[in-house]
């Protein structure tokens, strides 16, 4: 049986994203919400090494990566950082968003459409 490693950001590990639709294989999803490409590459390498250390043949390992935006990067934040509360707040007016908030138009809310009503 193949061992498939999937890595990426929230498009790879959020709800029922694409790796959860791979069937009849051993799937190791190391995708993480908010991950930058540095983290994505390190997580994929770590998982490959972990599976190899268990004696799995390299020919049985497949790696699928969904890279994030080239401008995304991770920030190490600790409770001692003065910006830590901004990083974890979930507030739309976070430090990195305040300069674009006034530029974005007001968009209509997205309506949840039941599956049986979708076209």
C-alpha atoms as a PDB file:
ATOM      1  CA  UNK A   1       0.000   0.000   0.000  1.00  0.00           C
ATOM      2  CA  UNK A   2       1.238   3.486  -0.848  1.00  0.00           C
ATOM      3  CA  UNK A   3       2.039   6.103   1.760  1.00  0.00           C
ATOM      4  CA  UNK A   4       0.886   9.539   0.604  1.00  0.00           C
ATOM      5  CA  UNK A   5       2.113  12.656   2.386  1.00  0.00           C
ATOM      6  CA  UNK A   6       0.108  15.815   1.786  1.00  0.00           C
ATOM      7  CA  UNK A   7       1.357  19.238   2.850  1.00  0.00           C
ATOM      8  CA  UNK A   8       0.093  22.778   2.501  1.00  0.00           C
ATOM      9  CA  UNK A   9      -1.873  25.531   4.220  1.00  0.00           C
ATOM     10  CA  UNK A  10      -5.583  25.639   5.088  1.00  0.00           C
ATOM     11  CA  UNK A  11      -6.523  24.515   1.577  1.00  0.00           C
ATOM     12  CA  UNK A  12      -4.842  21.227   2.509  1.00  0.00           C
ATOM     13  CA  UNK A  13      -6.084  20.854   6.076  1.00  0.00           C
ATOM     14  CA  UNK A  14      -9.386  22.532   6.730  1.00  0.00           C
ATOM     15  CA  UNK A  15     -12.637  20.663   7.093  1.00  0.00           C
ATOM     16  CA  UNK A  16     -12.931  18.117   4.334  1.00  0.00           C
ATOM     17  CA  UNK A  17     -10.231  19.458   2.014  1.00  0.00           C
ATOM     18  CA  UNK A  18      -8.738  17.425  -0.811  1.00  0.00           C
ATOM     19  CA  UNK A  19      -6.431  15.051   1.141  1.00  0.00           C
ATOM     20  CA  UNK A  20      -9.464  13.638   2.954  1.00  0.00           C
ATOM     21  CA  UNK A  21     -10.820  12.375  -0.362  1.00  0.00           C
ATOM     22  CA  UNK A  22      -7.823  10.119  -1.078  1.00  0.00           C
ATOM     23  CA  UNK A  23      -9.023   6.584  -0.455  1.00  0.00           C
ATOM     24  CA  UNK A  24      -7.406   3.178  -0.022  1.00  0.00           C
ATOM     25  CA  UNK A  25      -3.989   4.640   0.836  1.00  0.00           C
ATOM     26  CA  UNK A  26      -2.110   5.567   3.984  1.00  0.00           C
ATOM     27  CA  UNK A  27      -2.446   9.365   4.006  1.00  0.00           C
ATOM     28  CA  UNK A  28      -0.373  11.595   6.306  1.00  0.00           C
ATOM     29  CA  UNK A  29      -1.676  15.150   6.147  1.00  0.00           C
ATOM     30  CA  UNK A  30       0.788  17.682   7.582  1.00  0.00           C
ATOM     31  CA  UNK A  31      -1.108  20.693   6.227  1.00  0.00           C
ATOM     32  CA  UNK A  32      -1.663  23.506   8.719  1.00  0.00           C
ATOM     33  CA  UNK A  33      -3.916  26.558   8.677  1.00  0.00           C
ATOM     34  CA  UNK A  34      -1.851  29.695   8.039  1.00  0.00           C
ATOM     35  CA  UNK A  35       1.294  27.804   7.051  1.00  0.00           C
ATOM     36  CA  UNK A  36       3.905  29.524   4.924  1.00  0.00           C
ATOM     37  CA  UNK A  37       6.047  27.718   2.365  1.00  0.00           C
ATOM     38  CA  UNK A  38       8.959  27.373   4.794  1.00  0.00           C
ATOM     39  CA  UNK A  39       6.799  25.486   7.261  1.00  0.00           C
ATOM     40  CA  UNK A  40       5.175  23.451   4.492  1.00  0.00           C
ATOM     41  CA  UNK A  41       8.548  22.237   3.209  1.00  0.00           C
ATOM     42  CA  UNK A  42       9.875  21.426   6.699  1.00  0.00           C
ATOM     43  CA  UNK A  43       6.710  19.517   7.647  1.00  0.00           C
ATOM     44  CA  UNK A  44       6.840  17.486   4.421  1.00  0.00           C
ATOM     45  CA  UNK A  45      10.520  16.617   4.900  1.00  0.00           C
ATOM     46  CA  UNK A  46       9.944  15.674   8.544  1.00  0.00           C
ATOM     47  CA  UNK A  47       7.061  13.353   7.625  1.00  0.00           C
ATOM     48  CA  UNK A  48       9.099  11.722   4.842  1.00  0.00           C
ATOM     49  CA  UNK A  49      11.955  11.079   7.264  1.00  0.00           C
ATOM     50  CA  UNK A  50       9.578   9.704   9.885  1.00  0.00           C
ATOM     51  CA  UNK A  51       8.030   7.205   7.458  1.00  0.00           C
ATOM     52  CA  UNK A  52      11.444   6.173   6.103  1.00  0.00           C
ATOM     53  CA  UNK A  53      12.687   5.587   9.664  1.00  0.00           C
ATOM     54  CA  UNK A  54       9.931   2.972  10.070  1.00  0.00           C
ATOM     55  CA  UNK A  55      11.405   0.990   7.192  1.00  0.00           C
ATOM     56  CA  UNK A  56       8.923   1.949   4.490  1.00  0.00           C
ATOM     57  CA  UNK A  57      10.437   1.564   1.018  1.00  0.00           C
ATOM     58  CA  UNK A  58      11.087   4.940  -0.644  1.00  0.00           C
ATOM     59  CA  UNK A  59       9.291   3.668  -3.777  1.00  0.00           C
ATOM     60  CA  UNK A  60       6.062   3.432  -1.727  1.00  0.00           C
ATOM     61  CA  UNK A  61       6.102   7.088  -0.574  1.00  0.00           C
ATOM     62  CA  UNK A  62       4.406   9.815  -2.594  1.00  0.00           C
ATOM     63  CA  UNK A  63       4.529  13.488  -1.668  1.00  0.00           C
ATOM     64  CA  UNK A  64       1.850  15.954  -2.789  1.00  0.00           C
ATOM     65  CA  UNK A  65       2.372  19.607  -1.863  1.00  0.00           C
ATOM     66  CA  UNK A  66      -0.044  22.460  -2.383  1.00  0.00           C
ATOM     67  CA  UNK A  67       2.223  25.483  -1.979  1.00  0.00           C
ATOM     68  CA  UNK A  68       0.913  28.641  -0.378  1.00  0.00           C
ATOM     69  CA  UNK A  69       1.325  32.148  -1.772  1.00  0.00           C
ATOM     70  CA  UNK A  70       4.916  33.174  -2.432  1.00  0.00           C
ATOM     71  CA  UNK A  71       4.468  36.155  -0.122  1.00  0.00           C
ATOM     72  CA  UNK A  72       3.231  34.123   2.877  1.00  0.00           C
ATOM     73  CA  UNK A  73       5.611  33.364   5.690  1.00  0.00           C
ATOM     74  CA  UNK A  74       5.296  32.171   9.240  1.00  0.00           C
ATOM     75  CA  UNK A  75       6.044  34.292  12.281  1.00  0.00           C
ATOM     76  CA  UNK A  76       7.292  32.778  15.507  1.00  0.00           C
ATOM     77  CA  UNK A  77       5.276  34.371  18.264  1.00  0.00           C
ATOM     78  CA  UNK A  78       5.552  33.967  21.997  1.00  0.00           C
ATOM     79  CA  UNK A  79       3.559  35.492  24.823  1.00  0.00           C
ATOM     80  CA  UNK A  80       6.519  37.817  25.416  1.00  0.00           C
ATOM     81  CA  UNK A  81       6.159  39.412  21.980  1.00  0.00           C
ATOM     82  CA  UNK A  82       4.361  42.775  22.027  1.00  0.00           C
ATOM     83  CA  UNK A  83       2.462  41.760  18.852  1.00  0.00           C
ATOM     84  CA  UNK A  84       1.427  38.295  20.116  1.00  0.00           C
ATOM     85  CA  UNK A  85      -2.149  39.354  20.891  1.00  0.00           C
ATOM     86  CA  UNK A  86      -2.483  40.751  17.365  1.00  0.00           C
ATOM     87  CA  UNK A  87      -1.228  37.501  15.815  1.00  0.00           C
ATOM     88  CA  UNK A  88      -3.761  35.330  17.645  1.00  0.00           C
ATOM     89  CA  UNK A  89      -6.696  37.715  18.057  1.00  0.00           C
ATOM     90  CA  UNK A  90      -8.723  36.785  14.987  1.00  0.00           C
ATOM     91  CA  UNK A  91      -9.735  40.457  14.898  1.00  0.00           C
ATOM     92  CA  UNK A  92     -10.245  41.827  11.379  1.00  0.00           C
ATOM     93  CA  UNK A  93      -8.406  45.002  12.401  1.00  0.00           C
ATOM     94  CA  UNK A  94      -5.126  43.225  13.127  1.00  0.00           C
ATOM     95  CA  UNK A  95      -1.874  45.132  12.600  1.00  0.00           C
ATOM     96  CA  UNK A  96      -1.277  43.675   9.118  1.00  0.00           C
ATOM     97  CA  UNK A  97      -4.834  44.253   7.936  1.00  0.00           C
ATOM     98  CA  UNK A  98      -5.564  47.808   9.000  1.00  0.00           C
ATOM     99  CA  UNK A  99      -4.067  49.402   5.893  1.00  0.00           C
ATOM    100  CA  UNK A 100      -6.133  47.300   3.469  1.00  0.00           C
ATOM    101  CA  UNK A 101      -9.430  47.306   5.351  1.00  0.00           C
ATOM    102  CA  UNK A 102     -10.386  50.734   3.994  1.00  0.00           C
ATOM    103  CA  UNK A 103      -9.556  49.704   0.418  1.00  0.00           C
ATOM    104  CA  UNK A 104     -11.769  46.622   0.267  1.00  0.00           C
ATOM    105  CA  UNK A 105     -15.368  47.145  -0.865  1.00  0.00           C
ATOM    106  CA  UNK A 106     -18.248  46.010   1.310  1.00  0.00           C
ATOM    107  CA  UNK A 107     -19.082  42.570  -0.006  1.00  0.00           C
ATOM    108  CA  UNK A 108     -22.411  40.808   0.451  1.00  0.00           C
ATOM    109  CA  UNK A 109     -22.481  38.002   2.983  1.00  0.00           C
ATOM    110  CA  UNK A 110     -22.027  34.478   1.656  1.00  0.00           C
ATOM    111  CA  UNK A 111     -25.169  32.410   2.025  1.00  0.00           C
ATOM    112  CA  UNK A 112     -24.909  28.794   3.037  1.00  0.00           C
ATOM    113  CA  UNK A 113     -26.758  26.830   0.371  1.00  0.00           C
ATOM    114  CA  UNK A 114     -27.905  23.335   1.324  1.00  0.00           C
ATOM    115  CA  UNK A 115     -26.342  20.632  -0.865  1.00  0.00           C
ATOM    116  CA  UNK A 116     -29.699  19.593  -2.282  1.00  0.00           C
ATOM    117  CA  UNK A 117     -30.316  23.170  -3.521  1.00  0.00           C
ATOM    118  CA  UNK A 118     -26.952  23.623  -5.253  1.00  0.00           C
ATOM    119  CA  UNK A 119     -26.882  23.640  -9.032  1.00  0.00           C
END
